[in-house]
C-alpha cells in the first residue's frame, strides 16, 4: 500500500477511474488511487509533479491538472 513513513491525511472511498471503483488516498507528499481488492497503488503522483492551469470562461474558473 503506502510506505510506512507516509502519513495518510485523507481516504476517499468509492472513487471511480475509467469505470473501475477504488479508493483515493491523500498523503503528505503524494496522491494515489488503489483499485478495489488490490494491495498496491495503480496510480500515484507526487504533488510537485502536478501542474495546475486556470482558464476563465464567462467569469467561472475551471481547473485543469497536468501530470508530468
N, C-alpha and C. Protein backbone atom coordinates (compact mmCIF):
# COMPACT_ATOMS: atom_id res chain seq x y z
N UNK A 1 0.84 -1.18 0.00
CA UNK A 1 0.00 0.00 0.00
C UNK A 1 0.88 1.23 0.00
N UNK A 2 1.10 1.87 1.13
CA UNK A 2 1.96 3.05 1.16
C UNK A 2 3.16 2.78 2.02
N UNK A 3 4.16 3.59 1.84
CA UNK A 3 5.37 3.49 2.63
C UNK A 3 5.01 3.77 4.09
N UNK A 4 5.61 3.05 5.03
CA UNK A 4 5.30 3.23 6.44
C UNK A 4 5.61 4.63 6.93
N UNK A 5 6.50 5.35 6.25
CA UNK A 5 6.86 6.70 6.67
C UNK A 5 5.82 7.73 6.22
N UNK A 6 4.93 7.36 5.31
CA UNK A 6 3.94 8.31 4.81
C UNK A 6 2.71 8.33 5.72
N UNK A 7 2.27 9.51 6.03
CA UNK A 7 1.06 9.67 6.82
C UNK A 7 -0.12 9.90 5.88
N UNK A 8 -1.14 9.08 6.01
CA UNK A 8 -2.34 9.24 5.18
C UNK A 8 -3.21 10.31 5.81
N UNK A 9 -3.44 11.40 5.05
CA UNK A 9 -4.21 12.53 5.55
C UNK A 9 -5.71 12.34 5.34
N UNK A 10 -6.08 11.74 4.20
CA UNK A 10 -7.50 11.59 3.86
C UNK A 10 -7.67 10.36 2.99
N UNK A 11 -8.74 9.62 3.23
CA UNK A 11 -9.10 8.45 2.42
C UNK A 11 -10.50 8.68 1.88
N UNK A 12 -10.64 8.60 0.55
CA UNK A 12 -11.95 8.78 -0.09
C UNK A 12 -12.29 7.47 -0.79
N UNK A 13 -13.33 6.80 -0.32
CA UNK A 13 -13.73 5.53 -0.91
C UNK A 13 -14.73 5.75 -2.03
N UNK A 14 -14.95 4.72 -2.82
CA UNK A 14 -15.91 4.73 -3.94
C UNK A 14 -15.57 5.78 -4.99
N UNK A 15 -14.29 5.88 -5.33
CA UNK A 15 -13.83 6.80 -6.38
C UNK A 15 -13.59 5.97 -7.62
N UNK A 16 -14.23 6.36 -8.73
CA UNK A 16 -14.10 5.60 -9.98
C UNK A 16 -13.06 6.25 -10.90
N UNK A 17 -12.28 5.38 -11.52
CA UNK A 17 -11.32 5.78 -12.56
C UNK A 17 -11.52 4.83 -13.72
N UNK A 18 -11.93 5.37 -14.85
CA UNK A 18 -12.24 4.56 -16.04
C UNK A 18 -13.22 3.43 -15.71
N UNK A 19 -14.28 3.78 -15.00
CA UNK A 19 -15.38 2.87 -14.63
C UNK A 19 -14.96 1.76 -13.67
N UNK A 20 -13.78 1.89 -13.07
CA UNK A 20 -13.31 0.91 -12.09
C UNK A 20 -13.33 1.58 -10.72
N UNK A 21 -13.94 0.92 -9.76
CA UNK A 21 -14.08 1.50 -8.43
C UNK A 21 -12.82 1.26 -7.61
N UNK A 22 -12.50 2.26 -6.79
CA UNK A 22 -11.33 2.14 -5.94
C UNK A 22 -11.36 3.18 -4.83
N UNK A 23 -10.19 3.42 -4.23
CA UNK A 23 -10.06 4.34 -3.10
C UNK A 23 -8.96 5.34 -3.41
N UNK A 24 -9.22 6.61 -3.12
CA UNK A 24 -8.26 7.68 -3.32
C UNK A 24 -7.60 8.00 -1.99
N UNK A 25 -6.28 8.06 -1.98
CA UNK A 25 -5.51 8.35 -0.77
C UNK A 25 -4.77 9.67 -0.96
N UNK A 26 -4.93 10.59 0.00
CA UNK A 26 -4.17 11.84 0.00
C UNK A 26 -3.16 11.75 1.13
N UNK A 27 -1.89 11.80 0.77
CA UNK A 27 -0.82 11.68 1.76
C UNK A 27 -0.03 12.98 1.80
N UNK A 28 0.93 13.05 2.66
CA UNK A 28 1.70 14.27 2.84
C UNK A 28 2.39 14.76 1.58
N UNK A 29 2.90 13.85 0.76
CA UNK A 29 3.68 14.25 -0.41
C UNK A 29 3.09 13.80 -1.74
N UNK A 30 2.06 12.97 -1.71
CA UNK A 30 1.51 12.47 -2.98
C UNK A 30 0.04 12.11 -2.86
N UNK A 31 -0.57 11.91 -4.02
CA UNK A 31 -1.95 11.46 -4.13
C UNK A 31 -1.90 10.12 -4.87
N UNK A 32 -2.71 9.15 -4.42
CA UNK A 32 -2.66 7.83 -5.04
C UNK A 32 -4.05 7.22 -5.06
N UNK A 33 -4.26 6.32 -6.03
CA UNK A 33 -5.53 5.62 -6.19
C UNK A 33 -5.26 4.13 -6.22
N UNK A 34 -6.09 3.38 -5.46
CA UNK A 34 -5.94 1.93 -5.41
C UNK A 34 -7.26 1.28 -5.81
N UNK A 35 -7.17 0.36 -6.76
CA UNK A 35 -8.35 -0.38 -7.20
C UNK A 35 -8.84 -1.28 -6.08
N UNK A 36 -10.16 -1.46 -6.03
CA UNK A 36 -10.75 -2.35 -5.02
C UNK A 36 -10.18 -3.75 -5.16
N UNK A 37 -9.99 -4.43 -4.04
CA UNK A 37 -9.47 -5.79 -3.97
C UNK A 37 -7.99 -5.90 -4.37
N UNK A 38 -7.26 -4.78 -4.44
CA UNK A 38 -5.82 -4.79 -4.75
C UNK A 38 -5.06 -4.30 -3.53
N UNK A 39 -3.77 -4.60 -3.49
CA UNK A 39 -2.96 -4.18 -2.35
C UNK A 39 -1.84 -3.22 -2.73
N UNK A 40 -1.86 -2.73 -3.98
CA UNK A 40 -0.86 -1.75 -4.40
C UNK A 40 -1.55 -0.65 -5.20
N UNK A 41 -0.90 0.52 -5.25
CA UNK A 41 -1.48 1.66 -5.95
C UNK A 41 -1.38 1.47 -7.46
N UNK A 42 -2.48 1.76 -8.15
CA UNK A 42 -2.48 1.73 -9.60
C UNK A 42 -1.99 3.06 -10.16
N UNK A 43 -2.31 4.14 -9.45
CA UNK A 43 -1.92 5.49 -9.85
C UNK A 43 -1.32 6.19 -8.64
N UNK A 44 -0.21 6.86 -8.85
CA UNK A 44 0.44 7.60 -7.76
C UNK A 44 1.22 8.76 -8.35
N UNK A 45 0.97 9.98 -7.85
CA UNK A 45 1.66 11.17 -8.33
C UNK A 45 2.06 12.03 -7.13
N UNK A 46 3.30 12.50 -7.15
CA UNK A 46 3.75 13.45 -6.14
C UNK A 46 3.15 14.82 -6.45
N UNK A 47 2.83 15.57 -5.40
CA UNK A 47 2.21 16.88 -5.59
C UNK A 47 3.08 17.82 -6.41
N UNK A 48 4.40 17.73 -6.27
CA UNK A 48 5.29 18.63 -7.02
C UNK A 48 5.25 18.34 -8.52
N UNK A 49 4.76 17.16 -8.92
CA UNK A 49 4.65 16.81 -10.33
C UNK A 49 3.34 17.26 -10.95
N UNK A 50 2.43 17.78 -10.15
CA UNK A 50 1.13 18.22 -10.65
C UNK A 50 1.18 19.72 -10.91
N UNK A 51 0.88 20.09 -12.14
CA UNK A 51 0.84 21.50 -12.52
C UNK A 51 -0.62 21.88 -12.73
N UNK A 52 -0.99 23.06 -12.27
CA UNK A 52 -2.38 23.47 -12.47
C UNK A 52 -2.44 24.63 -13.44
N UNK A 53 -3.55 24.72 -14.14
CA UNK A 53 -3.78 25.76 -15.13
C UNK A 53 -5.20 26.27 -14.95
N UNK A 54 -5.35 27.59 -14.83
CA UNK A 54 -6.67 28.18 -14.68
C UNK A 54 -7.09 28.82 -16.00
N UNK A 55 -8.27 28.51 -16.45
CA UNK A 55 -8.86 29.13 -17.63
C UNK A 55 -10.14 29.83 -17.21
N UNK A 56 -10.38 31.00 -17.76
CA UNK A 56 -11.60 31.72 -17.42
C UNK A 56 -12.59 31.64 -18.58
N UNK A 57 -13.77 31.19 -18.28
CA UNK A 57 -14.87 31.14 -19.24
C UNK A 57 -16.08 31.77 -18.57
N UNK A 58 -16.49 32.92 -19.04
CA UNK A 58 -17.66 33.62 -18.50
C UNK A 58 -17.56 33.82 -16.99
N UNK A 59 -16.42 34.32 -16.53
CA UNK A 59 -16.18 34.61 -15.11
C UNK A 59 -16.22 33.38 -14.22
N UNK A 60 -16.06 32.20 -14.78
CA UNK A 60 -16.01 30.97 -13.99
C UNK A 60 -14.62 30.36 -14.18
N UNK A 61 -14.03 29.93 -13.07
CA UNK A 61 -12.69 29.32 -13.15
C UNK A 61 -12.82 27.81 -13.23
N UNK A 62 -12.12 27.26 -14.18
CA UNK A 62 -12.04 25.81 -14.32
C UNK A 62 -10.59 25.42 -14.09
N UNK A 63 -10.37 24.40 -13.31
CA UNK A 63 -9.01 23.95 -13.02
C UNK A 63 -8.72 22.68 -13.82
N UNK A 64 -7.61 22.71 -14.52
CA UNK A 64 -7.14 21.54 -15.21
C UNK A 64 -5.84 21.11 -14.56
N UNK A 65 -5.69 19.84 -14.31
CA UNK A 65 -4.48 19.32 -13.71
C UNK A 65 -3.67 18.57 -14.77
N UNK A 66 -2.39 18.84 -14.78
CA UNK A 66 -1.49 18.17 -15.71
C UNK A 66 -0.45 17.41 -14.90
N UNK A 67 -0.24 16.16 -15.26
CA UNK A 67 0.75 15.33 -14.60
C UNK A 67 1.96 15.22 -15.49
N UNK A 68 3.12 15.54 -14.93
CA UNK A 68 4.33 15.44 -15.75
C UNK A 68 5.12 14.22 -15.42
